[in-house]
Amino acid sequence: MKVLIVESEIYLAQSIASRLTEVGYNCKIVATIKESINEDKYDIVLLSTNISGQNFYPAIQKHKSSIIILLISYISNDTVSKPLKTGADDYILKPFMIEELIRKIDHLFEYKKLKKQSLFCSAYMENLLKNSSIKQINIKNISLPLLIKSYYQKFADKLVYEYAKSINEIPIFIPLDTPNALEKMQSYDDKTLLYLVNFQNLKKSERIKILSDFEKKRAILCTTDTSEQINSNINMISLDNYNKIYDNGDILSIDDYVKYVILSCQNNCTDTELSKKLGVSRKSLWEKRKKYGINKKK
């Protein structure tokens, strides 16, 4: 990564540059604010706030897309509070250990990376779910733990996404048909918000274990097998507005439709009847179950 060091104390600037270079950074030193403004984009800017007689705010404006760490001699509104409000990311008090500076750089770099990732995921989820219309449910009345029955996964995703936004939390997402899902679920304390999916793909013994632990958690559990009878005292919501799939062009894919038919009918039909409904052979029906991770309930 490229680092711009804006510091008039040349010995200090060279000491910082030497140590950062040792751990893989590419450093350049400038002694004035004017020089820093003429520089191109850098990943990190280490900006001294006590360069005699020079206003450092133009440097913050110029490099506001970079990670800016203030090098300060004392803490005050002028050296810390105001610059942070203007666009600086953090500060470090002179004299400091280079290891502490490297720790701050690593932390801020990871923070900015995660922030960009979070913004991307939020925008992607908004776009992915924008056409998923669900029946009117008062989110404020939701009580956890909650079981959602919905033949269409997107309906449940939409409800959970809106609920999480309303309480300003990010749930932990756990697909229950992945290895060690139960252990992952149990590893979180009872205050952590969990979103558990693919319950319909589990064997009966696995479902019993999940439900037993789920009842003690602050969690939301989704199944797309709406016909399954689940004996539990937990709160339940059924999203059964099938016609909403066709609203705003939100139509089931062929794979989603096949999964829906299998999950909806396999408890009430023989495999011979079900394969006829789908227009496939019993062998093909078995292959589709395997492909979608659907276990035939016993």
C-alpha atoms as a PDB file:
ATOM      1  CA  MET A   1       0.000   0.000   0.000  1.00  0.00           C
ATOM      2  CA  LYS A   2       1.085   3.570  -0.702  1.00  0.00           C
ATOM      3  CA  VAL A   3       1.632   5.836   2.306  1.00  0.00           C
ATOM      4  CA  LEU A   4       2.058   9.617   2.215  1.00  0.00           C
ATOM      5  CA  ILE A   5       3.780  11.057   5.311  1.00  0.00           C
ATOM      6  CA  VAL A   6       3.119  14.780   5.774  1.00  0.00           C
ATOM      7  CA  GLU A   7       5.536  15.789   8.521  1.00  0.00           C
ATOM      8  CA  SER A   8       7.984  18.707   8.918  1.00  0.00           C
ATOM      9  CA  GLU A   9      10.069  16.851  11.537  1.00  0.00           C
ATOM     10  CA  ILE A  10      12.261  15.052   9.033  1.00  0.00           C
ATOM     11  CA  TYR A  11      13.880  12.644  11.508  1.00  0.00           C
ATOM     12  CA  LEU A  12      10.456  11.461  12.719  1.00  0.00           C
ATOM     13  CA  ALA A  13       9.145  11.168   9.151  1.00  0.00           C
ATOM     14  CA  GLN A  14      12.172   9.128   8.052  1.00  0.00           C
ATOM     15  CA  SER A  15      11.890   6.880  11.104  1.00  0.00           C
ATOM     16  CA  ILE A  16       8.230   6.163  10.322  1.00  0.00           C
ATOM     17  CA  ALA A  17       8.966   5.572   6.624  1.00  0.00           C
ATOM     18  CA  SER A  18      11.851   3.223   7.374  1.00  0.00           C
ATOM     19  CA  ARG A  19       9.790   1.015   9.694  1.00  0.00           C
ATOM     20  CA  LEU A  20       6.732   0.954   7.409  1.00  0.00           C
ATOM     21  CA  THR A  21       8.918   0.079   4.427  1.00  0.00           C
ATOM     22  CA  GLU A  22      10.278  -2.902   6.357  1.00  0.00           C
ATOM     23  CA  VAL A  23       6.779  -4.359   6.674  1.00  0.00           C
ATOM     24  CA  GLY A  24       5.878  -3.817   3.018  1.00  0.00           C
ATOM     25  CA  TYR A  25       4.500  -0.275   2.672  1.00  0.00           C
ATOM     26  CA  ASN A  26       5.594   2.097  -0.088  1.00  0.00           C
ATOM     27  CA  CYS A  27       6.234   5.477   1.582  1.00  0.00           C
ATOM     28  CA  LYS A  28       6.767   9.044   0.416  1.00  0.00           C
ATOM     29  CA  ILE A  29       7.618  12.002   2.668  1.00  0.00           C
ATOM     30  CA  VAL A  30       6.563  15.628   2.126  1.00  0.00           C
ATOM     31  CA  ALA A  31       7.273  18.467   4.574  1.00  0.00           C
ATOM     32  CA  THR A  32       4.498  20.928   3.659  1.00  0.00           C
ATOM     33  CA  ILE A  33       0.730  20.919   3.204  1.00  0.00           C
ATOM     34  CA  LYS A  34       1.158  22.453  -0.255  1.00  0.00           C
ATOM     35  CA  GLU A  35       3.282  19.496  -1.360  1.00  0.00           C
ATOM     36  CA  SER A  36       0.721  17.021   0.009  1.00  0.00           C
ATOM     37  CA  ILE A  37      -2.073  18.643  -2.021  1.00  0.00           C
ATOM     38  CA  ASN A  38      -0.068  18.191  -5.218  1.00  0.00           C
ATOM     39  CA  GLU A  39       0.299  14.462  -4.599  1.00  0.00           C
ATOM     40  CA  ASP A  40      -1.875  11.832  -6.298  1.00  0.00           C
ATOM     41  CA  LYS A  41      -4.049   9.252  -4.515  1.00  0.00           C
ATOM     42  CA  TYR A  42      -2.568   7.340  -1.585  1.00  0.00           C
ATOM     43  CA  ASP A  43      -4.013   4.471   0.439  1.00  0.00           C
ATOM     44  CA  ILE A  44      -2.898   6.050   3.719  1.00  0.00           C
ATOM     45  CA  VAL A  45      -2.008   9.619   4.685  1.00  0.00           C
ATOM     46  CA  LEU A  46      -0.157  10.293   7.946  1.00  0.00           C
ATOM     47  CA  LEU A  47      -0.818  13.988   8.535  1.00  0.00           C
ATOM     48  CA  SER A  48       0.927  16.121  11.144  1.00  0.00           C
ATOM     49  CA  THR A  49      -1.319  18.797  12.671  1.00  0.00           C
ATOM     50  CA  ASN A  50       1.499  21.015  13.918  1.00  0.00           C
ATOM     51  CA  ILE A  51       3.356  22.025  10.779  1.00  0.00           C
ATOM     52  CA  SER A  52       4.186  25.615  11.726  1.00  0.00           C
ATOM     53  CA  GLY A  53       1.892  28.243  10.242  1.00  0.00           C
ATOM     54  CA  GLN A  54       0.150  25.844   7.842  1.00  0.00           C
ATOM     55  CA  ASN A  55      -3.568  24.978   7.613  1.00  0.00           C
ATOM     56  CA  PHE A  56      -3.828  21.189   7.312  1.00  0.00           C
ATOM     57  CA  TYR A  57      -7.546  21.060   6.391  1.00  0.00           C
ATOM     58  CA  PRO A  58      -6.907  21.310   2.613  1.00  0.00           C
ATOM     59  CA  ALA A  59      -4.856  18.102   2.904  1.00  0.00           C
ATOM     60  CA  ILE A  60      -7.812  16.341   4.540  1.00  0.00           C
ATOM     61  CA  GLN A  61     -10.123  17.504   1.751  1.00  0.00           C
ATOM     62  CA  LYS A  62      -7.659  16.463  -0.953  1.00  0.00           C
ATOM     63  CA  HIS A  63      -7.146  12.955   0.455  1.00  0.00           C
ATOM     64  CA  LYS A  64     -10.595  12.308   1.972  1.00  0.00           C
ATOM     65  CA  SER A  65     -10.891   9.001   0.064  1.00  0.00           C
ATOM     66  CA  SER A  66      -7.693   7.768   1.778  1.00  0.00           C
ATOM     67  CA  ILE A  67      -7.206   6.549   5.338  1.00  0.00           C
ATOM     68  CA  ILE A  68      -6.067   9.672   7.200  1.00  0.00           C
ATOM     69  CA  ILE A  69      -4.318   9.342  10.563  1.00  0.00           C
ATOM     70  CA  LEU A  70      -3.439  12.573  12.363  1.00  0.00           C
ATOM     71  CA  LEU A  71      -0.007  12.847  14.002  1.00  0.00           C
ATOM     72  CA  ILE A  72      -0.671  15.146  16.971  1.00  0.00           C
ATOM     73  CA  SER A  73       1.419  16.644  19.794  1.00  0.00           C
ATOM     74  CA  TYR A  74      -1.542  17.285  22.135  1.00  0.00           C
ATOM     75  CA  ILE A  75      -5.279  16.606  22.224  1.00  0.00           C
ATOM     76  CA  SER A  76      -7.734  19.456  21.653  1.00  0.00           C
ATOM     77  CA  ASN A  77     -10.751  20.350  19.538  1.00  0.00           C
ATOM     78  CA  ASP A  78      -8.450  21.862  16.918  1.00  0.00           C
ATOM     79  CA  THR A  79      -6.086  18.877  16.687  1.00  0.00           C
ATOM     80  CA  VAL A  80      -8.590  16.017  17.038  1.00  0.00           C
ATOM     81  CA  SER A  81     -12.350  16.732  17.210  1.00  0.00           C
ATOM     82  CA  LYS A  82     -12.662  19.171  14.298  1.00  0.00           C
ATOM     83  CA  PRO A  83     -10.324  17.267  11.922  1.00  0.00           C
ATOM     84  CA  LEU A  84     -12.186  13.990  12.628  1.00  0.00           C
ATOM     85  CA  LYS A  85     -15.502  15.688  11.793  1.00  0.00           C
ATOM     86  CA  THR A  86     -13.947  17.041   8.590  1.00  0.00           C
ATOM     87  CA  GLY A  87     -12.866  13.634   7.289  1.00  0.00           C
ATOM     88  CA  ALA A  88      -9.820  12.316   9.168  1.00  0.00           C
ATOM     89  CA  ASP A  89     -10.168   8.725  10.385  1.00  0.00           C
ATOM     90  CA  ASP A  90      -8.087   8.544  13.553  1.00  0.00           C
ATOM     91  CA  TYR A  91      -5.169  10.111  15.425  1.00  0.00           C
ATOM     92  CA  ILE A  92      -2.039   9.053  17.277  1.00  0.00           C
ATOM     93  CA  LEU A  93      -0.301  11.071  19.986  1.00  0.00           C
ATOM     94  CA  LYS A  94       3.432  11.829  19.643  1.00  0.00           C
ATOM     95  CA  PRO A  95       5.673  10.221  20.715  1.00  0.00           C
ATOM     96  CA  PHE A  96       4.286   6.836  19.705  1.00  0.00           C
ATOM     97  CA  MET A  97       5.452   3.316  19.039  1.00  0.00           C
ATOM     98  CA  ILE A  98       5.549   2.387  15.358  1.00  0.00           C
ATOM     99  CA  GLU A  99       3.847  -0.913  16.215  1.00  0.00           C
ATOM    100  CA  GLU A 100       0.838   1.017  17.529  1.00  0.00           C
ATOM    101  CA  LEU A 101       0.705   3.046  14.297  1.00  0.00           C
ATOM    102  CA  ILE A 102       0.820  -0.158  12.222  1.00  0.00           C
ATOM    103  CA  ARG A 103      -1.993  -1.603  14.357  1.00  0.00           C
ATOM    104  CA  LYS A 104      -4.130   1.480  13.677  1.00  0.00           C
ATOM    105  CA  ILE A 105      -3.392   1.293   9.949  1.00  0.00           C
ATOM    106  CA  ASP A 106      -4.336  -2.394   9.779  1.00  0.00           C
ATOM    107  CA  HIS A 107      -7.500  -1.794  11.815  1.00  0.00           C
ATOM    108  CA  LEU A 108      -8.664   1.155   9.694  1.00  0.00           C
ATOM    109  CA  PHE A 109      -7.876  -0.614   6.440  1.00  0.00           C
ATOM    110  CA  GLU A 110      -9.965  -3.625   7.530  1.00  0.00           C
ATOM    111  CA  TYR A 111     -12.745  -1.320   8.775  1.00  0.00           C
ATOM    112  CA  LYS A 112     -12.959   0.532   5.442  1.00  0.00           C
ATOM    113  CA  LYS A 113     -12.931  -2.763   3.554  1.00  0.00           C
ATOM    114  CA  LEU A 114     -15.763  -4.158   5.694  1.00  0.00           C
ATOM    115  CA  LYS A 115     -17.729  -0.908   5.381  1.00  0.00           C
ATOM    116  CA  LYS A 116     -17.565  -1.087   1.576  1.00  0.00           C
ATOM    117  CA  GLN A 117     -18.535  -4.753   1.706  1.00  0.00           C
ATOM    118  CA  SER A 118     -21.468  -3.943   3.989  1.00  0.00           C
ATOM    119  CA  LEU A 119     -22.720  -1.170   1.692  1.00  0.00           C
ATOM    120  CA  PHE A 120     -22.451  -3.498  -1.305  1.00  0.00           C
ATOM    121  CA  CYS A 121     -24.332  -6.311   0.474  1.00  0.00           C
ATOM    122  CA  SER A 122     -27.072  -3.942   1.669  1.00  0.00           C
ATOM    123  CA  ALA A 123     -27.566  -2.513  -1.813  1.00  0.00           C
ATOM    124  CA  TYR A 124     -27.534  -6.010  -3.323  1.00  0.00           C
ATOM    125  CA  MET A 125     -30.103  -7.297  -0.813  1.00  0.00           C
ATOM    126  CA  GLU A 126     -32.363  -4.287  -1.419  1.00  0.00           C
ATOM    127  CA  ASN A 127     -32.244  -4.970  -5.154  1.00  0.00           C
ATOM    128  CA  LEU A 128     -32.660  -8.741  -4.764  1.00  0.00           C
ATOM    129  CA  LEU A 129     -35.709  -8.447  -2.514  1.00  0.00           C
ATOM    130  CA  LYS A 130     -37.378  -5.324  -3.898  1.00  0.00           C
ATOM    131  CA  ASN A 131     -39.992  -7.334  -5.852  1.00  0.00           C
ATOM    132  CA  SER A 132     -40.687  -9.828  -3.093  1.00  0.00           C
ATOM    133  CA  SER A 133     -44.095  -8.705  -1.855  1.00  0.00           C
ATOM    134  CA  ILE A 134     -45.270 -10.254   1.388  1.00  0.00           C
ATOM    135  CA  LYS A 135     -48.585  -9.881   3.123  1.00  0.00           C
ATOM    136  CA  GLN A 136     -48.861  -7.087   5.640  1.00  0.00           C
ATOM    137  CA  ILE A 137     -47.191  -8.103   8.889  1.00  0.00           C
ATOM    138  CA  ASN A 138     -46.620  -5.718  11.777  1.00  0.00           C
ATOM    139  CA  ILE A 139     -42.889  -6.116  12.328  1.00  0.00           C
ATOM    140  CA  LYS A 140     -43.167  -4.439  15.735  1.00  0.00           C
ATOM    141  CA  ASN A 141     -45.283  -7.373  16.929  1.00  0.00           C
ATOM    142  CA  ILE A 142     -42.691 -10.013  16.050  1.00  0.00           C
ATOM    143  CA  SER A 143     -41.575 -12.004  19.069  1.00  0.00           C
ATOM    144  CA  LEU A 144     -38.580 -14.348  19.104  1.00  0.00           C
ATOM    145  CA  PRO A 145     -37.952 -17.203  18.677  1.00  0.00           C
ATOM    146  CA  LEU A 146     -40.011 -17.230  15.480  1.00  0.00           C
ATOM    147  CA  LEU A 147     -40.784 -19.957  12.946  1.00  0.00           C
ATOM    148  CA  ILE A 148     -41.591 -18.823   9.400  1.00  0.00           C
ATOM    149  CA  LYS A 149     -43.335 -21.192   7.006  1.00  0.00           C
ATOM    150  CA  SER A 150     -42.982 -20.072   3.410  1.00  0.00           C
ATOM    151  CA  TYR A 151     -42.866 -22.151   0.233  1.00  0.00           C
ATOM    152  CA  TYR A 152     -40.815 -19.323  -1.326  1.00  0.00           C
ATOM    153  CA  GLN A 153     -37.549 -18.531   0.500  1.00  0.00           C
ATOM    154  CA  LYS A 154     -37.486 -14.931  -0.698  1.00  0.00           C
ATOM    155  CA  PHE A 155     -40.646 -14.119   1.254  1.00  0.00           C
ATOM    156  CA  ALA A 156     -38.968 -15.175   4.500  1.00  0.00           C
ATOM    157  CA  ASP A 157     -35.733 -13.392   3.539  1.00  0.00           C
ATOM    158  CA  LYS A 158     -37.691 -10.199   2.929  1.00  0.00           C
ATOM    159  CA  LEU A 159     -39.425 -10.381   6.304  1.00  0.00           C
ATOM    160  CA  VAL A 160     -36.202 -11.095   8.203  1.00  0.00           C
ATOM    161  CA  TYR A 161     -34.338  -8.351   6.322  1.00  0.00           C
ATOM    162  CA  GLU A 162     -37.008  -5.759   7.161  1.00  0.00           C
ATOM    163  CA  TYR A 163     -37.179  -6.917  10.786  1.00  0.00           C
ATOM    164  CA  ALA A 164     -33.378  -6.729  11.202  1.00  0.00           C
ATOM    165  CA  LYS A 165     -33.372  -3.217   9.735  1.00  0.00           C
ATOM    166  CA  SER A 166     -36.137  -2.114  12.107  1.00  0.00           C
ATOM    167  CA  ILE A 167     -34.101  -3.126  15.177  1.00  0.00           C
ATOM    168  CA  ASN A 168     -30.773  -2.031  13.639  1.00  0.00           C
ATOM    169  CA  GLU A 169     -29.111  -5.445  13.899  1.00  0.00           C
ATOM    170  CA  ILE A 170     -27.348  -7.795  11.504  1.00  0.00           C
ATOM    171  CA  PRO A 171     -28.374 -11.440  12.042  1.00  0.00           C
ATOM    172  CA  ILE A 172     -26.010 -14.378  11.869  1.00  0.00           C
ATOM    173  CA  PHE A 173     -27.023 -16.482   8.835  1.00  0.00           C
ATOM    174  CA  ILE A 174     -26.801 -20.262   9.245  1.00  0.00           C
ATOM    175  CA  PRO A 175     -27.983 -22.742   6.552  1.00  0.00           C
ATOM    176  CA  LEU A 176     -28.936 -25.795   8.608  1.00  0.00           C
ATOM    177  CA  ASP A 177     -27.985 -28.298   5.898  1.00  0.00           C
ATOM    178  CA  THR A 178     -24.297 -27.311   6.050  1.00  0.00           C
ATOM    179  CA  PRO A 179     -21.699 -29.252   8.087  1.00  0.00           C
ATOM    180  CA  ASN A 180     -21.671 -28.545  11.849  1.00  0.00           C
ATOM    181  CA  ALA A 181     -24.691 -26.216  11.603  1.00  0.00           C
ATOM    182  CA  LEU A 182     -25.970 -27.246  15.040  1.00  0.00           C
ATOM    183  CA  GLU A 183     -22.557 -26.592  16.614  1.00  0.00           C
ATOM    184  CA  LYS A 184     -22.425 -23.166  14.934  1.00  0.00           C
ATOM    185  CA  MET A 185     -25.886 -22.380  16.238  1.00  0.00           C
ATOM    186  CA  GLN A 186     -24.952 -23.438  19.776  1.00  0.00           C
ATOM    187  CA  SER A 187     -21.725 -21.406  19.705  1.00  0.00           C
ATOM    188  CA  TYR A 188     -23.668 -18.118  19.857  1.00  0.00           C
ATOM    189  CA  ASP A 189     -25.101 -16.783  23.092  1.00  0.00           C
ATOM    190  CA  ASP A 190     -28.815 -16.260  23.618  1.00  0.00           C
ATOM    191  CA  LYS A 191     -28.579 -12.519  22.855  1.00  0.00           C
ATOM    192  CA  THR A 192     -27.302 -13.003  19.297  1.00  0.00           C
ATOM    193  CA  LEU A 193     -29.884 -12.724  16.523  1.00  0.00           C
ATOM    194  CA  LEU A 194     -29.780 -15.851  14.321  1.00  0.00           C
ATOM    195  CA  TYR A 195     -31.429 -16.570  10.978  1.00  0.00           C
ATOM    196  CA  LEU A 196     -31.700 -20.301  10.285  1.00  0.00           C
ATOM    197  CA  VAL A 197     -32.786 -21.669   6.906  1.00  0.00           C
ATOM    198  CA  ASN A 198     -33.184 -25.001   5.063  1.00  0.00           C
ATOM    199  CA  PHE A 199     -34.901 -26.682   8.012  1.00  0.00           C
ATOM    200  CA  GLN A 200     -36.943 -28.674   5.472  1.00  0.00           C
ATOM    201  CA  ASN A 201     -33.802 -30.440   4.234  1.00  0.00           C
ATOM    202  CA  LEU A 202     -32.991 -32.049   7.588  1.00  0.00           C
ATOM    203  CA  LYS A 203     -33.747 -35.569   8.717  1.00  0.00           C
ATOM    204  CA  LYS A 204     -36.332 -36.011  11.464  1.00  0.00           C
ATOM    205  CA  SER A 205     -33.725 -36.651  14.161  1.00  0.00           C
ATOM    206  CA  GLU A 206     -31.815 -33.523  13.108  1.00  0.00           C
ATOM    207  CA  ARG A 207     -34.981 -31.407  13.112  1.00  0.00           C
ATOM    208  CA  ILE A 208     -35.787 -32.499  16.677  1.00  0.00           C
ATOM    209  CA  LYS A 209     -32.303 -31.437  17.869  1.00  0.00           C
ATOM    210  CA  ILE A 210     -32.524 -28.090  16.075  1.00  0.00           C
ATOM    211  CA  LEU A 211     -35.975 -27.312  17.480  1.00  0.00           C
ATOM    212  CA  SER A 212     -34.903 -28.212  21.001  1.00  0.00           C
ATOM    213  CA  ASP A 213     -32.033 -25.721  20.899  1.00  0.00           C
ATOM    214  CA  PHE A 214     -33.878 -23.154  18.789  1.00  0.00           C
ATOM    215  CA  GLU A 215     -36.557 -22.641  21.435  1.00  0.00           C
ATOM    216  CA  LYS A 216     -33.883 -21.231  23.765  1.00  0.00           C
ATOM    217  CA  LYS A 217     -32.409 -18.849  21.194  1.00  0.00           C
ATOM    218  CA  ARG A 218     -33.134 -15.343  19.953  1.00  0.00           C
ATOM    219  CA  ALA A 219     -33.606 -16.699  16.475  1.00  0.00           C
ATOM    220  CA  ILE A 220     -35.759 -16.936  13.364  1.00  0.00           C
ATOM    221  CA  LEU A 221     -36.175 -20.325  11.698  1.00  0.00           C
ATOM    222  CA  CYS A 222     -37.489 -20.784   8.156  1.00  0.00           C
ATOM    223  CA  THR A 223     -38.891 -23.855   6.437  1.00  0.00           C
ATOM    224  CA  THR A 224     -40.232 -24.044   2.882  1.00  0.00           C
ATOM    225  CA  ASP A 225     -42.166 -27.218   3.676  1.00  0.00           C
ATOM    226  CA  THR A 226     -45.442 -25.527   4.559  1.00  0.00           C
ATOM    227  CA  SER A 227     -47.299 -28.818   4.994  1.00  0.00           C
ATOM    228  CA  GLU A 228     -45.099 -30.090   7.806  1.00  0.00           C
ATOM    229  CA  GLN A 229     -46.693 -30.210  11.244  1.00  0.00           C
ATOM    230  CA  ILE A 230     -44.255 -28.847  13.809  1.00  0.00           C
ATOM    231  CA  ASN A 231     -45.145 -29.512  17.425  1.00  0.00           C
ATOM    232  CA  SER A 232     -43.793 -26.497  19.268  1.00  0.00           C
ATOM    233  CA  ASN A 233     -45.061 -23.612  21.369  1.00  0.00           C
ATOM    234  CA  ILE A 234     -42.898 -21.049  19.580  1.00  0.00           C
ATOM    235  CA  ASN A 235     -44.404 -18.182  17.580  1.00  0.00           C
ATOM    236  CA  MET A 236     -45.156 -18.979  13.938  1.00  0.00           C
ATOM    237  CA  ILE A 237     -45.923 -16.952  10.801  1.00  0.00           C
ATOM    238  CA  SER A 238     -47.182 -18.516   7.556  1.00  0.00           C
ATOM    239  CA  LEU A 239     -46.385 -16.595   4.383  1.00  0.00           C
ATOM    240  CA  ASP A 240     -48.890 -18.311   2.135  1.00  0.00           C
ATOM    241  CA  ASN A 241     -49.614 -15.560  -0.421  1.00  0.00           C
ATOM    242  CA  TYR A 242     -48.708 -17.654  -3.464  1.00  0.00           C
ATOM    243  CA  ASN A 243     -50.167 -15.188  -5.984  1.00  0.00           C
ATOM    244  CA  LYS A 244     -47.662 -12.561  -4.870  1.00  0.00           C
ATOM    245  CA  ILE A 245     -44.906 -14.423  -6.709  1.00  0.00           C
ATOM    246  CA  TYR A 246     -46.227 -13.025  -9.964  1.00  0.00           C
ATOM    247  CA  ASP A 247     -46.382  -9.423  -8.756  1.00  0.00           C
ATOM    248  CA  ASN A 248     -43.856  -7.080 -10.367  1.00  0.00           C
ATOM    249  CA  GLY A 249     -42.384  -9.864 -12.471  1.00  0.00           C
ATOM    250  CA  ASP A 250     -41.099 -11.864  -9.478  1.00  0.00           C
ATOM    251  CA  ILE A 251     -41.604 -15.356 -10.914  1.00  0.00           C
ATOM    252  CA  LEU A 252     -40.302 -18.674  -9.631  1.00  0.00           C
ATOM    253  CA  SER A 253     -37.351 -20.139 -11.492  1.00  0.00           C
ATOM    254  CA  ILE A 254     -37.744 -23.710 -12.784  1.00  0.00           C
ATOM    255  CA  ASP A 255     -35.551 -25.007  -9.946  1.00  0.00           C
ATOM    256  CA  ASP A 256     -37.580 -23.100  -7.320  1.00  0.00           C
ATOM    257  CA  TYR A 257     -40.829 -24.391  -8.841  1.00  0.00           C
ATOM    258  CA  VAL A 258     -39.627 -28.017  -8.810  1.00  0.00           C
ATOM    259  CA  LYS A 259     -38.442 -27.669  -5.207  1.00  0.00           C
ATOM    260  CA  TYR A 260     -41.794 -26.134  -4.265  1.00  0.00           C
ATOM    261  CA  VAL A 261     -43.765 -29.003  -5.828  1.00  0.00           C
ATOM    262  CA  ILE A 262     -41.597 -31.677  -4.194  1.00  0.00           C
ATOM    263  CA  LEU A 263     -41.738 -30.075  -0.752  1.00  0.00           C
ATOM    264  CA  SER A 264     -45.452 -29.340  -0.978  1.00  0.00           C
ATOM    265  CA  CYS A 265     -46.552 -32.730  -2.263  1.00  0.00           C
ATOM    266  CA  GLN A 266     -44.113 -35.375  -1.061  1.00  0.00           C
ATOM    267  CA  ASN A 267     -45.933 -35.853   2.252  1.00  0.00           C
ATOM    268  CA  ASN A 268     -49.273 -36.390   0.535  1.00  0.00           C
ATOM    269  CA  CYS A 269     -48.244 -38.254  -2.634  1.00  0.00           C
ATOM    270  CA  THR A 270     -46.354 -41.390  -3.479  1.00  0.00           C
ATOM    271  CA  ASP A 271     -43.184 -40.991  -5.508  1.00  0.00           C
ATOM    272  CA  THR A 272     -45.034 -42.446  -8.502  1.00  0.00           C
ATOM    273  CA  GLU A 273     -47.743 -39.771  -8.240  1.00  0.00           C
ATOM    274  CA  LEU A 274     -45.218 -37.004  -7.631  1.00  0.00           C
ATOM    275  CA  SER A 275     -43.032 -37.978 -10.586  1.00  0.00           C
ATOM    276  CA  LYS A 276     -46.132 -37.909 -12.809  1.00  0.00           C
ATOM    277  CA  LYS A 277     -47.007 -34.393 -11.595  1.00  0.00           C
ATOM    278  CA  LEU A 278     -43.519 -33.239 -12.549  1.00  0.00           C
ATOM    279  CA  GLY A 279     -43.408 -35.225 -15.781  1.00  0.00           C
ATOM    280  CA  VAL A 280     -40.217 -37.038 -14.801  1.00  0.00           C
ATOM    281  CA  SER A 281     -39.204 -40.604 -13.930  1.00  0.00           C
ATOM    282  CA  ARG A 282     -38.891 -41.795 -10.334  1.00  0.00           C
ATOM    283  CA  LYS A 283     -35.116 -41.977 -10.851  1.00  0.00           C
ATOM    284  CA  SER A 284     -35.102 -38.350 -12.014  1.00  0.00           C
ATOM    285  CA  LEU A 285     -37.198 -37.407  -8.961  1.00  0.00           C
ATOM    286  CA  TRP A 286     -34.601 -39.056  -6.718  1.00  0.00           C
ATOM    287  CA  GLU A 287     -31.821 -37.165  -8.529  1.00  0.00           C
ATOM    288  CA  LYS A 288     -33.663 -33.868  -8.085  1.00  0.00           C
ATOM    289  CA  ARG A 289     -34.060 -34.507  -4.355  1.00  0.00           C
ATOM    290  CA  LYS A 290     -30.331 -35.138  -4.154  1.00  0.00           C
ATOM    291  CA  LYS A 291     -29.565 -32.014  -6.219  1.00  0.00           C
ATOM    292  CA  TYR A 292     -31.690 -29.743  -4.020  1.00  0.00           C
ATOM    293  CA  GLY A 293     -30.711 -31.402  -0.756  1.00  0.00           C
ATOM    294  CA  ILE A 294     -34.274 -32.522   0.005  1.00  0.00           C
ATOM    295  CA  ASN A 295     -34.765 -35.468   2.319  1.00  0.00           C
ATOM    296  CA  LYS A 296     -37.910 -37.534   1.922  1.00  0.00           C
ATOM    297  CA  LYS A 297     -39.782 -37.318   5.199  1.00  0.00           C
ATOM    298  CA  LYS A 298     -40.562 -40.573   6.996  1.00  0.00           C
END
